[in-house]
């Protein structure tokens, strides 16, 4: 149930890029 909800919102936190940081916020 969660896997299908979050598939477009996954962030790998070991190396967050600038674009991922902007998208996250």
PDBML (XML) file of the C-alpha atoms, coordinates in Angstrom:
<?xml version="1.0" encoding="UTF-8" ?>
<PDBx:datablock datablockName="MODEL"
   xmlns:PDBx="http://pdbml.pdb.org/schema/pdbx-v50.xsd"
   xmlns:xsi="http://www.w3.org/2001/XMLSchema-instance"
   xsi:schemaLocation="http://pdbml.pdb.org/schema/pdbx-v50.xsd pdbx-v50.xsd">
   <PDBx:atom_siteCategory>
      <PDBx:atom_site id="1">
         <PDBx:B_iso_or_equiv>0.00</PDBx:B_iso_or_equiv>
         <PDBx:Cartn_x>0.000</PDBx:Cartn_x>
         <PDBx:Cartn_y>0.000</PDBx:Cartn_y>
         <PDBx:Cartn_z>0.000</PDBx:Cartn_z>
         <PDBx:auth_asym_id>A</PDBx:auth_asym_id>
         <PDBx:auth_atom_id>CA</PDBx:auth_atom_id>
         <PDBx:auth_comp_id>UNK</PDBx:auth_comp_id>
         <PDBx:auth_seq_id>1</PDBx:auth_seq_id>
         <PDBx:group_PDB>ATOM</PDBx:group_PDB>
         <PDBx:label_alt_id xsi:nil="true" />
         <PDBx:label_asym_id>A</PDBx:label_asym_id>
         <PDBx:label_atom_id>CA</PDBx:label_atom_id>
         <PDBx:label_comp_id>UNK</PDBx:label_comp_id>
         <PDBx:label_entity_id>1</PDBx:label_entity_id>
         <PDBx:label_seq_id>1</PDBx:label_seq_id>
         <PDBx:occupancy>1.00</PDBx:occupancy>
         <PDBx:pdbx_PDB_model_num>1</PDBx:pdbx_PDB_model_num>
         <PDBx:type_symbol>C</PDBx:type_symbol>
      </PDBx:atom_site>
      <PDBx:atom_site id="2">
         <PDBx:B_iso_or_equiv>0.00</PDBx:B_iso_or_equiv>
         <PDBx:Cartn_x>2.805</PDBx:Cartn_x>
         <PDBx:Cartn_y>2.451</PDBx:Cartn_y>
         <PDBx:Cartn_z>0.780</PDBx:Cartn_z>
         <PDBx:auth_asym_id>A</PDBx:auth_asym_id>
         <PDBx:auth_atom_id>CA</PDBx:auth_atom_id>
         <PDBx:auth_comp_id>UNK</PDBx:auth_comp_id>
         <PDBx:auth_seq_id>2</PDBx:auth_seq_id>
         <PDBx:group_PDB>ATOM</PDBx:group_PDB>
         <PDBx:label_alt_id xsi:nil="true" />
         <PDBx:label_asym_id>A</PDBx:label_asym_id>
         <PDBx:label_atom_id>CA</PDBx:label_atom_id>
         <PDBx:label_comp_id>UNK</PDBx:label_comp_id>
         <PDBx:label_entity_id>1</PDBx:label_entity_id>
         <PDBx:label_seq_id>2</PDBx:label_seq_id>
         <PDBx:occupancy>1.00</PDBx:occupancy>
         <PDBx:pdbx_PDB_model_num>1</PDBx:pdbx_PDB_model_num>
         <PDBx:type_symbol>C</PDBx:type_symbol>
      </PDBx:atom_site>
      <PDBx:atom_site id="3">
         <PDBx:B_iso_or_equiv>0.00</PDBx:B_iso_or_equiv>
         <PDBx:Cartn_x>5.089</PDBx:Cartn_x>
         <PDBx:Cartn_y>1.329</PDBx:Cartn_y>
         <PDBx:Cartn_z>-2.019</PDBx:Cartn_z>
         <PDBx:auth_asym_id>A</PDBx:auth_asym_id>
         <PDBx:auth_atom_id>CA</PDBx:auth_atom_id>
         <PDBx:auth_comp_id>UNK</PDBx:auth_comp_id>
         <PDBx:auth_seq_id>3</PDBx:auth_seq_id>
         <PDBx:group_PDB>ATOM</PDBx:group_PDB>
         <PDBx:label_alt_id xsi:nil="true" />
         <PDBx:label_asym_id>A</PDBx:label_asym_id>
         <PDBx:label_atom_id>CA</PDBx:label_atom_id>
         <PDBx:label_comp_id>UNK</PDBx:label_comp_id>
         <PDBx:label_entity_id>1</PDBx:label_entity_id>
         <PDBx:label_seq_id>3</PDBx:label_seq_id>
         <PDBx:occupancy>1.00</PDBx:occupancy>
         <PDBx:pdbx_PDB_model_num>1</PDBx:pdbx_PDB_model_num>
         <PDBx:type_symbol>C</PDBx:type_symbol>
      </PDBx:atom_site>
      <PDBx:atom_site id="4">
         <PDBx:B_iso_or_equiv>0.00</PDBx:B_iso_or_equiv>
         <PDBx:Cartn_x>2.533</PDBx:Cartn_x>
         <PDBx:Cartn_y>2.289</PDBx:Cartn_y>
         <PDBx:Cartn_z>-4.667</PDBx:Cartn_z>
         <PDBx:auth_asym_id>A</PDBx:auth_asym_id>
         <PDBx:auth_atom_id>CA</PDBx:auth_atom_id>
         <PDBx:auth_comp_id>UNK</PDBx:auth_comp_id>
         <PDBx:auth_seq_id>4</PDBx:auth_seq_id>
         <PDBx:group_PDB>ATOM</PDBx:group_PDB>
         <PDBx:label_alt_id xsi:nil="true" />
         <PDBx:label_asym_id>A</PDBx:label_asym_id>
         <PDBx:label_atom_id>CA</PDBx:label_atom_id>
         <PDBx:label_comp_id>UNK</PDBx:label_comp_id>
         <PDBx:label_entity_id>1</PDBx:label_entity_id>
         <PDBx:label_seq_id>4</PDBx:label_seq_id>
         <PDBx:occupancy>1.00</PDBx:occupancy>
         <PDBx:pdbx_PDB_model_num>1</PDBx:pdbx_PDB_model_num>
         <PDBx:type_symbol>C</PDBx:type_symbol>
      </PDBx:atom_site>
      <PDBx:atom_site id="5">
         <PDBx:B_iso_or_equiv>0.00</PDBx:B_iso_or_equiv>
         <PDBx:Cartn_x>1.842</PDBx:Cartn_x>
         <PDBx:Cartn_y>5.672</PDBx:Cartn_y>
         <PDBx:Cartn_z>-2.954</PDBx:Cartn_z>
         <PDBx:auth_asym_id>A</PDBx:auth_asym_id>
         <PDBx:auth_atom_id>CA</PDBx:auth_atom_id>
         <PDBx:auth_comp_id>UNK</PDBx:auth_comp_id>
         <PDBx:auth_seq_id>5</PDBx:auth_seq_id>
         <PDBx:group_PDB>ATOM</PDBx:group_PDB>
         <PDBx:label_alt_id xsi:nil="true" />
         <PDBx:label_asym_id>A</PDBx:label_asym_id>
         <PDBx:label_atom_id>CA</PDBx:label_atom_id>
         <PDBx:label_comp_id>UNK</PDBx:label_comp_id>
         <PDBx:label_entity_id>1</PDBx:label_entity_id>
         <PDBx:label_seq_id>5</PDBx:label_seq_id>
         <PDBx:occupancy>1.00</PDBx:occupancy>
         <PDBx:pdbx_PDB_model_num>1</PDBx:pdbx_PDB_model_num>
         <PDBx:type_symbol>C</PDBx:type_symbol>
      </PDBx:atom_site>
      <PDBx:atom_site id="6">
         <PDBx:B_iso_or_equiv>0.00</PDBx:B_iso_or_equiv>
         <PDBx:Cartn_x>5.464</PDBx:Cartn_x>
         <PDBx:Cartn_y>6.772</PDBx:Cartn_y>
         <PDBx:Cartn_z>-2.699</PDBx:Cartn_z>
         <PDBx:auth_asym_id>A</PDBx:auth_asym_id>
         <PDBx:auth_atom_id>CA</PDBx:auth_atom_id>
         <PDBx:auth_comp_id>UNK</PDBx:auth_comp_id>
         <PDBx:auth_seq_id>6</PDBx:auth_seq_id>
         <PDBx:group_PDB>ATOM</PDBx:group_PDB>
         <PDBx:label_alt_id xsi:nil="true" />
         <PDBx:label_asym_id>A</PDBx:label_asym_id>
         <PDBx:label_atom_id>CA</PDBx:label_atom_id>
         <PDBx:label_comp_id>UNK</PDBx:label_comp_id>
         <PDBx:label_entity_id>1</PDBx:label_entity_id>
         <PDBx:label_seq_id>6</PDBx:label_seq_id>
         <PDBx:occupancy>1.00</PDBx:occupancy>
         <PDBx:pdbx_PDB_model_num>1</PDBx:pdbx_PDB_model_num>
         <PDBx:type_symbol>C</PDBx:type_symbol>
      </PDBx:atom_site>
      <PDBx:atom_site id="7">
         <PDBx:B_iso_or_equiv>0.00</PDBx:B_iso_or_equiv>
         <PDBx:Cartn_x>6.983</PDBx:Cartn_x>
         <PDBx:Cartn_y>5.503</PDBx:Cartn_y>
         <PDBx:Cartn_z>-5.930</PDBx:Cartn_z>
         <PDBx:auth_asym_id>A</PDBx:auth_asym_id>
         <PDBx:auth_atom_id>CA</PDBx:auth_atom_id>
         <PDBx:auth_comp_id>UNK</PDBx:auth_comp_id>
         <PDBx:auth_seq_id>7</PDBx:auth_seq_id>
         <PDBx:group_PDB>ATOM</PDBx:group_PDB>
         <PDBx:label_alt_id xsi:nil="true" />
         <PDBx:label_asym_id>A</PDBx:label_asym_id>
         <PDBx:label_atom_id>CA</PDBx:label_atom_id>
         <PDBx:label_comp_id>UNK</PDBx:label_comp_id>
         <PDBx:label_entity_id>1</PDBx:label_entity_id>
         <PDBx:label_seq_id>7</PDBx:label_seq_id>
         <PDBx:occupancy>1.00</PDBx:occupancy>
         <PDBx:pdbx_PDB_model_num>1</PDBx:pdbx_PDB_model_num>
         <PDBx:type_symbol>C</PDBx:type_symbol>
      </PDBx:atom_site>
      <PDBx:atom_site id="8">
         <PDBx:B_iso_or_equiv>0.00</PDBx:B_iso_or_equiv>
         <PDBx:Cartn_x>7.245</PDBx:Cartn_x>
         <PDBx:Cartn_y>9.064</PDBx:Cartn_y>
         <PDBx:Cartn_z>-7.330</PDBx:Cartn_z>
         <PDBx:auth_asym_id>A</PDBx:auth_asym_id>
         <PDBx:auth_atom_id>CA</PDBx:auth_atom_id>
         <PDBx:auth_comp_id>UNK</PDBx:auth_comp_id>
         <PDBx:auth_seq_id>8</PDBx:auth_seq_id>
         <PDBx:group_PDB>ATOM</PDBx:group_PDB>
         <PDBx:label_alt_id xsi:nil="true" />
         <PDBx:label_asym_id>A</PDBx:label_asym_id>
         <PDBx:label_atom_id>CA</PDBx:label_atom_id>
         <PDBx:label_comp_id>UNK</PDBx:label_comp_id>
         <PDBx:label_entity_id>1</PDBx:label_entity_id>
         <PDBx:label_seq_id>8</PDBx:label_seq_id>
         <PDBx:occupancy>1.00</PDBx:occupancy>
         <PDBx:pdbx_PDB_model_num>1</PDBx:pdbx_PDB_model_num>
         <PDBx:type_symbol>C</PDBx:type_symbol>
      </PDBx:atom_site>
      <PDBx:atom_site id="9">
         <PDBx:B_iso_or_equiv>0.00</PDBx:B_iso_or_equiv>
         <PDBx:Cartn_x>8.559</PDBx:Cartn_x>
         <PDBx:Cartn_y>10.548</PDBx:Cartn_y>
         <PDBx:Cartn_z>-4.081</PDBx:Cartn_z>
         <PDBx:auth_asym_id>A</PDBx:auth_asym_id>
         <PDBx:auth_atom_id>CA</PDBx:auth_atom_id>
         <PDBx:auth_comp_id>UNK</PDBx:auth_comp_id>
         <PDBx:auth_seq_id>9</PDBx:auth_seq_id>
         <PDBx:group_PDB>ATOM</PDBx:group_PDB>
         <PDBx:label_alt_id xsi:nil="true" />
         <PDBx:label_asym_id>A</PDBx:label_asym_id>
         <PDBx:label_atom_id>CA</PDBx:label_atom_id>
         <PDBx:label_comp_id>UNK</PDBx:label_comp_id>
         <PDBx:label_entity_id>1</PDBx:label_entity_id>
         <PDBx:label_seq_id>9</PDBx:label_seq_id>
         <PDBx:occupancy>1.00</PDBx:occupancy>
         <PDBx:pdbx_PDB_model_num>1</PDBx:pdbx_PDB_model_num>
         <PDBx:type_symbol>C</PDBx:type_symbol>
      </PDBx:atom_site>
      <PDBx:atom_site id="10">
         <PDBx:B_iso_or_equiv>0.00</PDBx:B_iso_or_equiv>
         <PDBx:Cartn_x>11.602</PDBx:Cartn_x>
         <PDBx:Cartn_y>8.475</PDBx:Cartn_y>
         <PDBx:Cartn_z>-3.229</PDBx:Cartn_z>
         <PDBx:auth_asym_id>A</PDBx:auth_asym_id>
         <PDBx:auth_atom_id>CA</PDBx:auth_atom_id>
         <PDBx:auth_comp_id>UNK</PDBx:auth_comp_id>
         <PDBx:auth_seq_id>10</PDBx:auth_seq_id>
         <PDBx:group_PDB>ATOM</PDBx:group_PDB>
         <PDBx:label_alt_id xsi:nil="true" />
         <PDBx:label_asym_id>A</PDBx:label_asym_id>
         <PDBx:label_atom_id>CA</PDBx:label_atom_id>
         <PDBx:label_comp_id>UNK</PDBx:label_comp_id>
         <PDBx:label_entity_id>1</PDBx:label_entity_id>
         <PDBx:label_seq_id>10</PDBx:label_seq_id>
         <PDBx:occupancy>1.00</PDBx:occupancy>
         <PDBx:pdbx_PDB_model_num>1</PDBx:pdbx_PDB_model_num>
         <PDBx:type_symbol>C</PDBx:type_symbol>
      </PDBx:atom_site>
      <PDBx:atom_site id="11">
         <PDBx:B_iso_or_equiv>0.00</PDBx:B_iso_or_equiv>
         <PDBx:Cartn_x>14.763</PDBx:Cartn_x>
         <PDBx:Cartn_y>10.266</PDBx:Cartn_y>
         <PDBx:Cartn_z>-2.200</PDBx:Cartn_z>
         <PDBx:auth_asym_id>A</PDBx:auth_asym_id>
         <PDBx:auth_atom_id>CA</PDBx:auth_atom_id>
         <PDBx:auth_comp_id>UNK</PDBx:auth_comp_id>
         <PDBx:auth_seq_id>11</PDBx:auth_seq_id>
         <PDBx:group_PDB>ATOM</PDBx:group_PDB>
         <PDBx:label_alt_id xsi:nil="true" />
         <PDBx:label_asym_id>A</PDBx:label_asym_id>
         <PDBx:label_atom_id>CA</PDBx:label_atom_id>
         <PDBx:label_comp_id>UNK</PDBx:label_comp_id>
         <PDBx:label_entity_id>1</PDBx:label_entity_id>
         <PDBx:label_seq_id>11</PDBx:label_seq_id>
         <PDBx:occupancy>1.00</PDBx:occupancy>
         <PDBx:pdbx_PDB_model_num>1</PDBx:pdbx_PDB_model_num>
         <PDBx:type_symbol>C</PDBx:type_symbol>
      </PDBx:atom_site>
      <PDBx:atom_site id="12">
         <PDBx:B_iso_or_equiv>0.00</PDBx:B_iso_or_equiv>
         <PDBx:Cartn_x>18.033</PDBx:Cartn_x>
         <PDBx:Cartn_y>8.504</PDBx:Cartn_y>
         <PDBx:Cartn_z>-1.668</PDBx:Cartn_z>
         <PDBx:auth_asym_id>A</PDBx:auth_asym_id>
         <PDBx:auth_atom_id>CA</PDBx:auth_atom_id>
         <PDBx:auth_comp_id>UNK</PDBx:auth_comp_id>
         <PDBx:auth_seq_id>12</PDBx:auth_seq_id>
         <PDBx:group_PDB>ATOM</PDBx:group_PDB>
         <PDBx:label_alt_id xsi:nil="true" />
         <PDBx:label_asym_id>A</PDBx:label_asym_id>
         <PDBx:label_atom_id>CA</PDBx:label_atom_id>
         <PDBx:label_comp_id>UNK</PDBx:label_comp_id>
         <PDBx:label_entity_id>1</PDBx:label_entity_id>
         <PDBx:label_seq_id>12</PDBx:label_seq_id>
         <PDBx:occupancy>1.00</PDBx:occupancy>
         <PDBx:pdbx_PDB_model_num>1</PDBx:pdbx_PDB_model_num>
         <PDBx:type_symbol>C</PDBx:type_symbol>
      </PDBx:atom_site>
      <PDBx:atom_site id="13">
         <PDBx:B_iso_or_equiv>0.00</PDBx:B_iso_or_equiv>
         <PDBx:Cartn_x>19.401</PDBx:Cartn_x>
         <PDBx:Cartn_y>10.306</PDBx:Cartn_y>
         <PDBx:Cartn_z>1.327</PDBx:Cartn_z>
         <PDBx:auth_asym_id>A</PDBx:auth_asym_id>
         <PDBx:auth_atom_id>CA</PDBx:auth_atom_id>
         <PDBx:auth_comp_id>UNK</PDBx:auth_comp_id>
         <PDBx:auth_seq_id>13</PDBx:auth_seq_id>
         <PDBx:group_PDB>ATOM</PDBx:group_PDB>
         <PDBx:label_alt_id xsi:nil="true" />
         <PDBx:label_asym_id>A</PDBx:label_asym_id>
         <PDBx:label_atom_id>CA</PDBx:label_atom_id>
         <PDBx:label_comp_id>UNK</PDBx:label_comp_id>
         <PDBx:label_entity_id>1</PDBx:label_entity_id>
         <PDBx:label_seq_id>13</PDBx:label_seq_id>
         <PDBx:occupancy>1.00</PDBx:occupancy>
         <PDBx:pdbx_PDB_model_num>1</PDBx:pdbx_PDB_model_num>
         <PDBx:type_symbol>C</PDBx:type_symbol>
      </PDBx:atom_site>
      <PDBx:atom_site id="14">
         <PDBx:B_iso_or_equiv>0.00</PDBx:B_iso_or_equiv>
         <PDBx:Cartn_x>22.984</PDBx:Cartn_x>
         <PDBx:Cartn_y>9.173</PDBx:Cartn_y>
         <PDBx:Cartn_z>1.126</PDBx:Cartn_z>
         <PDBx:auth_asym_id>A</PDBx:auth_asym_id>
         <PDBx:auth_atom_id>CA</PDBx:auth_atom_id>
         <PDBx:auth_comp_id>UNK</PDBx:auth_comp_id>
         <PDBx:auth_seq_id>14</PDBx:auth_seq_id>
         <PDBx:group_PDB>ATOM</PDBx:group_PDB>
         <PDBx:label_alt_id xsi:nil="true" />
         <PDBx:label_asym_id>A</PDBx:label_asym_id>
         <PDBx:label_atom_id>CA</PDBx:label_atom_id>
         <PDBx:label_comp_id>UNK</PDBx:label_comp_id>
         <PDBx:label_entity_id>1</PDBx:label_entity_id>
         <PDBx:label_seq_id>14</PDBx:label_seq_id>
         <PDBx:occupancy>1.00</PDBx:occupancy>
         <PDBx:pdbx_PDB_model_num>1</PDBx:pdbx_PDB_model_num>
         <PDBx:type_symbol>C</PDBx:type_symbol>
      </PDBx:atom_site>
      <PDBx:atom_site id="15">
         <PDBx:B_iso_or_equiv>0.00</PDBx:B_iso_or_equiv>
         <PDBx:Cartn_x>23.650</PDBx:Cartn_x>
         <PDBx:Cartn_y>11.770</PDBx:Cartn_y>
         <PDBx:Cartn_z>-1.584</PDBx:Cartn_z>
         <PDBx:auth_asym_id>A</PDBx:auth_asym_id>
         <PDBx:auth_atom_id>CA</PDBx:auth_atom_id>
         <PDBx:auth_comp_id>UNK</PDBx:auth_comp_id>
         <PDBx:auth_seq_id>15</PDBx:auth_seq_id>
         <PDBx:group_PDB>ATOM</PDBx:group_PDB>
         <PDBx:label_alt_id xsi:nil="true" />
         <PDBx:label_asym_id>A</PDBx:label_asym_id>
         <PDBx:label_atom_id>CA</PDBx:label_atom_id>
         <PDBx:label_comp_id>UNK</PDBx:label_comp_id>
         <PDBx:label_entity_id>1</PDBx:label_entity_id>
         <PDBx:label_seq_id>15</PDBx:label_seq_id>
         <PDBx:occupancy>1.00</PDBx:occupancy>
         <PDBx:pdbx_PDB_model_num>1</PDBx:pdbx_PDB_model_num>
         <PDBx:type_symbol>C</PDBx:type_symbol>
      </PDBx:atom_site>
      <PDBx:atom_site id="16">
         <PDBx:B_iso_or_equiv>0.00</PDBx:B_iso_or_equiv>
         <PDBx:Cartn_x>20.980</PDBx:Cartn_x>
         <PDBx:Cartn_y>14.416</PDBx:Cartn_y>
         <PDBx:Cartn_z>-1.965</PDBx:Cartn_z>
         <PDBx:auth_asym_id>A</PDBx:auth_asym_id>
         <PDBx:auth_atom_id>CA</PDBx:auth_atom_id>
         <PDBx:auth_comp_id>UNK</PDBx:auth_comp_id>
         <PDBx:auth_seq_id>16</PDBx:auth_seq_id>
         <PDBx:group_PDB>ATOM</PDBx:group_PDB>
         <PDBx:label_alt_id xsi:nil="true" />
         <PDBx:label_asym_id>A</PDBx:label_asym_id>
         <PDBx:label_atom_id>CA</PDBx:label_atom_id>
         <PDBx:label_comp_id>UNK</PDBx:label_comp_id>
         <PDBx:label_entity_id>1</PDBx:label_entity_id>
         <PDBx:label_seq_id>16</PDBx:label_seq_id>
         <PDBx:occupancy>1.00</PDBx:occupancy>
         <PDBx:pdbx_PDB_model_num>1</PDBx:pdbx_PDB_model_num>
         <PDBx:type_symbol>C</PDBx:type_symbol>
      </PDBx:atom_site>
      <PDBx:atom_site id="17">
         <PDBx:B_iso_or_equiv>0.00</PDBx:B_iso_or_equiv>
         <PDBx:Cartn_x>21.434</PDBx:Cartn_x>
         <PDBx:Cartn_y>16.573</PDBx:Cartn_y>
         <PDBx:Cartn_z>-5.070</PDBx:Cartn_z>
         <PDBx:auth_asym_id>A</PDBx:auth_asym_id>
         <PDBx:auth_atom_id>CA</PDBx:auth_atom_id>
         <PDBx:auth_comp_id>UNK</PDBx:auth_comp_id>
         <PDBx:auth_seq_id>17</PDBx:auth_seq_id>
         <PDBx:group_PDB>ATOM</PDBx:group_PDB>
         <PDBx:label_alt_id xsi:nil="true" />
         <PDBx:label_asym_id>A</PDBx:label_asym_id>
         <PDBx:label_atom_id>CA</PDBx:label_atom_id>
         <PDBx:label_comp_id>UNK</PDBx:label_comp_id>
         <PDBx:label_entity_id>1</PDBx:label_entity_id>
         <PDBx:label_seq_id>17</PDBx:label_seq_id>
         <PDBx:occupancy>1.00</PDBx:occupancy>
         <PDBx:pdbx_PDB_model_num>1</PDBx:pdbx_PDB_model_num>
         <PDBx:type_symbol>C</PDBx:type_symbol>
      </PDBx:atom_site>
      <PDBx:atom_site id="18">
         <PDBx:B_iso_or_equiv>0.00</PDBx:B_iso_or_equiv>
         <PDBx:Cartn_x>20.516</PDBx:Cartn_x>
         <PDBx:Cartn_y>20.250</PDBx:Cartn_y>
         <PDBx:Cartn_z>-5.245</PDBx:Cartn_z>
         <PDBx:auth_asym_id>A</PDBx:auth_asym_id>
         <PDBx:auth_atom_id>CA</PDBx:auth_atom_id>
         <PDBx:auth_comp_id>UNK</PDBx:auth_comp_id>
         <PDBx:auth_seq_id>18</PDBx:auth_seq_id>
         <PDBx:group_PDB>ATOM</PDBx:group_PDB>
         <PDBx:label_alt_id xsi:nil="true" />
         <PDBx:label_asym_id>A</PDBx:label_asym_id>
         <PDBx:label_atom_id>CA</PDBx:label_atom_id>
         <PDBx:label_comp_id>UNK</PDBx:label_comp_id>
         <PDBx:label_entity_id>1</PDBx:label_entity_id>
         <PDBx:label_seq_id>18</PDBx:label_seq_id>
         <PDBx:occupancy>1.00</PDBx:occupancy>
         <PDBx:pdbx_PDB_model_num>1</PDBx:pdbx_PDB_model_num>
         <PDBx:type_symbol>C</PDBx:type_symbol>
      </PDBx:atom_site>
      <PDBx:atom_site id="19">
         <PDBx:B_iso_or_equiv>0.00</PDBx:B_iso_or_equiv>
         <PDBx:Cartn_x>17.533</PDBx:Cartn_x>
         <PDBx:Cartn_y>19.450</PDBx:Cartn_y>
         <PDBx:Cartn_z>-7.458</PDBx:Cartn_z>
         <PDBx:auth_asym_id>A</PDBx:auth_asym_id>
         <PDBx:auth_atom_id>CA</PDBx:auth_atom_id>
         <PDBx:auth_comp_id>UNK</PDBx:auth_comp_id>
         <PDBx:auth_seq_id>19</PDBx:auth_seq_id>
         <PDBx:group_PDB>ATOM</PDBx:group_PDB>
         <PDBx:label_alt_id xsi:nil="true" />
         <PDBx:label_asym_id>A</PDBx:label_asym_id>
         <PDBx:label_atom_id>CA</PDBx:label_atom_id>
         <PDBx:label_comp_id>UNK</PDBx:label_comp_id>
         <PDBx:label_entity_id>1</PDBx:label_entity_id>
         <PDBx:label_seq_id>19</PDBx:label_seq_id>
         <PDBx:occupancy>1.00</PDBx:occupancy>
         <PDBx:pdbx_PDB_model_num>1</PDBx:pdbx_PDB_model_num>
         <PDBx:type_symbol>C</PDBx:type_symbol>
      </PDBx:atom_site>
      <PDBx:atom_site id="20">
         <PDBx:B_iso_or_equiv>0.00</PDBx:B_iso_or_equiv>
         <PDBx:Cartn_x>16.341</PDBx:Cartn_x>
         <PDBx:Cartn_y>16.730</PDBx:Cartn_y>
         <PDBx:Cartn_z>-5.052</PDBx:Cartn_z>
         <PDBx:auth_asym_id>A</PDBx:auth_asym_id>
         <PDBx:auth_atom_id>CA</PDBx:auth_atom_id>
         <PDBx:auth_comp_id>UNK</PDBx:auth_comp_id>
         <PDBx:auth_seq_id>20</PDBx:auth_seq_id>
         <PDBx:group_PDB>ATOM</PDBx:group_PDB>
         <PDBx:label_alt_id xsi:nil="true" />
         <PDBx:label_asym_id>A</PDBx:label_asym_id>
         <PDBx:label_atom_id>CA</PDBx:label_atom_id>
         <PDBx:label_comp_id>UNK</PDBx:label_comp_id>
         <PDBx:label_entity_id>1</PDBx:label_entity_id>
         <PDBx:label_seq_id>20</PDBx:label_seq_id>
         <PDBx:occupancy>1.00</PDBx:occupancy>
         <PDBx:pdbx_PDB_model_num>1</PDBx:pdbx_PDB_model_num>
         <PDBx:type_symbol>C</PDBx:type_symbol>
      </PDBx:atom_site>
      <PDBx:atom_site id="21">
         <PDBx:B_iso_or_equiv>0.00</PDBx:B_iso_or_equiv>
         <PDBx:Cartn_x>16.699</PDBx:Cartn_x>
         <PDBx:Cartn_y>19.165</PDBx:Cartn_y>
         <PDBx:Cartn_z>-2.146</PDBx:Cartn_z>
         <PDBx:auth_asym_id>A</PDBx:auth_asym_id>
         <PDBx:auth_atom_id>CA</PDBx:auth_atom_id>
         <PDBx:auth_comp_id>UNK</PDBx:auth_comp_id>
         <PDBx:auth_seq_id>21</PDBx:auth_seq_id>
         <PDBx:group_PDB>ATOM</PDBx:group_PDB>
         <PDBx:label_alt_id xsi:nil="true" />
         <PDBx:label_asym_id>A</PDBx:label_asym_id>
         <PDBx:label_atom_id>CA</PDBx:label_atom_id>
         <PDBx:label_comp_id>UNK</PDBx:label_comp_id>
         <PDBx:label_entity_id>1</PDBx:label_entity_id>
         <PDBx:label_seq_id>21</PDBx:label_seq_id>
         <PDBx:occupancy>1.00</PDBx:occupancy>
         <PDBx:pdbx_PDB_model_num>1</PDBx:pdbx_PDB_model_num>
         <PDBx:type_symbol>C</PDBx:type_symbol>
      </PDBx:atom_site>
      <PDBx:atom_site id="22">
         <PDBx:B_iso_or_equiv>0.00</PDBx:B_iso_or_equiv>
         <PDBx:Cartn_x>14.611</PDBx:Cartn_x>
         <PDBx:Cartn_y>21.774</PDBx:Cartn_y>
         <PDBx:Cartn_z>-3.965</PDBx:Cartn_z>
         <PDBx:auth_asym_id>A</PDBx:auth_asym_id>
         <PDBx:auth_atom_id>CA</PDBx:auth_atom_id>
         <PDBx:auth_comp_id>UNK</PDBx:auth_comp_id>
         <PDBx:auth_seq_id>22</PDBx:auth_seq_id>
         <PDBx:group_PDB>ATOM</PDBx:group_PDB>
         <PDBx:label_alt_id xsi:nil="true" />
         <PDBx:label_asym_id>A</PDBx:label_asym_id>
         <PDBx:label_atom_id>CA</PDBx:label_atom_id>
         <PDBx:label_comp_id>UNK</PDBx:label_comp_id>
         <PDBx:label_entity_id>1</PDBx:label_entity_id>
         <PDBx:label_seq_id>22</PDBx:label_seq_id>
         <PDBx:occupancy>1.00</PDBx:occupancy>
         <PDBx:pdbx_PDB_model_num>1</PDBx:pdbx_PDB_model_num>
         <PDBx:type_symbol>C</PDBx:type_symbol>
      </PDBx:atom_site>
      <PDBx:atom_site id="23">
         <PDBx:B_iso_or_equiv>0.00</PDBx:B_iso_or_equiv>
         <PDBx:Cartn_x>12.008</PDBx:Cartn_x>
         <PDBx:Cartn_y>19.175</PDBx:Cartn_y>
         <PDBx:Cartn_z>-4.932</PDBx:Cartn_z>
         <PDBx:auth_asym_id>A</PDBx:auth_asym_id>
         <PDBx:auth_atom_id>CA</PDBx:auth_atom_id>
         <PDBx:auth_comp_id>UNK</PDBx:auth_comp_id>
         <PDBx:auth_seq_id>23</PDBx:auth_seq_id>
         <PDBx:group_PDB>ATOM</PDBx:group_PDB>
         <PDBx:label_alt_id xsi:nil="true" />
         <PDBx:label_asym_id>A</PDBx:label_asym_id>
         <PDBx:label_atom_id>CA</PDBx:label_atom_id>
         <PDBx:label_comp_id>UNK</PDBx:label_comp_id>
         <PDBx:label_entity_id>1</PDBx:label_entity_id>
         <PDBx:label_seq_id>23</PDBx:label_seq_id>
         <PDBx:occupancy>1.00</PDBx:occupancy>
         <PDBx:pdbx_PDB_model_num>1</PDBx:pdbx_PDB_model_num>
         <PDBx:type_symbol>C</PDBx:type_symbol>
      </PDBx:atom_site>
      <PDBx:atom_site id="24">
         <PDBx:B_iso_or_equiv>0.00</PDBx:B_iso_or_equiv>
         <PDBx:Cartn_x>11.890</PDBx:Cartn_x>
         <PDBx:Cartn_y>17.838</PDBx:Cartn_y>
         <PDBx:Cartn_z>-1.368</PDBx:Cartn_z>
         <PDBx:auth_asym_id>A</PDBx:auth_asym_id>
         <PDBx:auth_atom_id>CA</PDBx:auth_atom_id>
         <PDBx:auth_comp_id>UNK</PDBx:auth_comp_id>
         <PDBx:auth_seq_id>24</PDBx:auth_seq_id>
         <PDBx:group_PDB>ATOM</PDBx:group_PDB>
         <PDBx:label_alt_id xsi:nil="true" />
         <PDBx:label_asym_id>A</PDBx:label_asym_id>
         <PDBx:label_atom_id>CA</PDBx:label_atom_id>
         <PDBx:label_comp_id>UNK</PDBx:label_comp_id>
         <PDBx:label_entity_id>1</PDBx:label_entity_id>
         <PDBx:label_seq_id>24</PDBx:label_seq_id>
         <PDBx:occupancy>1.00</PDBx:occupancy>
         <PDBx:pdbx_PDB_model_num>1</PDBx:pdbx_PDB_model_num>
         <PDBx:type_symbol>C</PDBx:type_symbol>
      </PDBx:atom_site>
      <PDBx:atom_site id="25">
         <PDBx:B_iso_or_equiv>0.00</PDBx:B_iso_or_equiv>
         <PDBx:Cartn_x>11.312</PDBx:Cartn_x>
         <PDBx:Cartn_y>21.260</PDBx:Cartn_y>
         <PDBx:Cartn_z>0.178</PDBx:Cartn_z>
         <PDBx:auth_asym_id>A</PDBx:auth_asym_id>
         <PDBx:auth_atom_id>CA</PDBx:auth_atom_id>
         <PDBx:auth_comp_id>UNK</PDBx:auth_comp_id>
         <PDBx:auth_seq_id>25</PDBx:auth_seq_id>
         <PDBx:group_PDB>ATOM</PDBx:group_PDB>
         <PDBx:label_alt_id xsi:nil="true" />
         <PDBx:label_asym_id>A</PDBx:label_asym_id>
         <PDBx:label_atom_id>CA</PDBx:label_atom_id>
         <PDBx:label_comp_id>UNK</PDBx:label_comp_id>
         <PDBx:label_entity_id>1</PDBx:label_entity_id>
         <PDBx:label_seq_id>25</PDBx:label_seq_id>
         <PDBx:occupancy>1.00</PDBx:occupancy>
         <PDBx:pdbx_PDB_model_num>1</PDBx:pdbx_PDB_model_num>
         <PDBx:type_symbol>C</PDBx:type_symbol>
      </PDBx:atom_site>
   </PDBx:atom_siteCategory>
</PDBx:datablock>
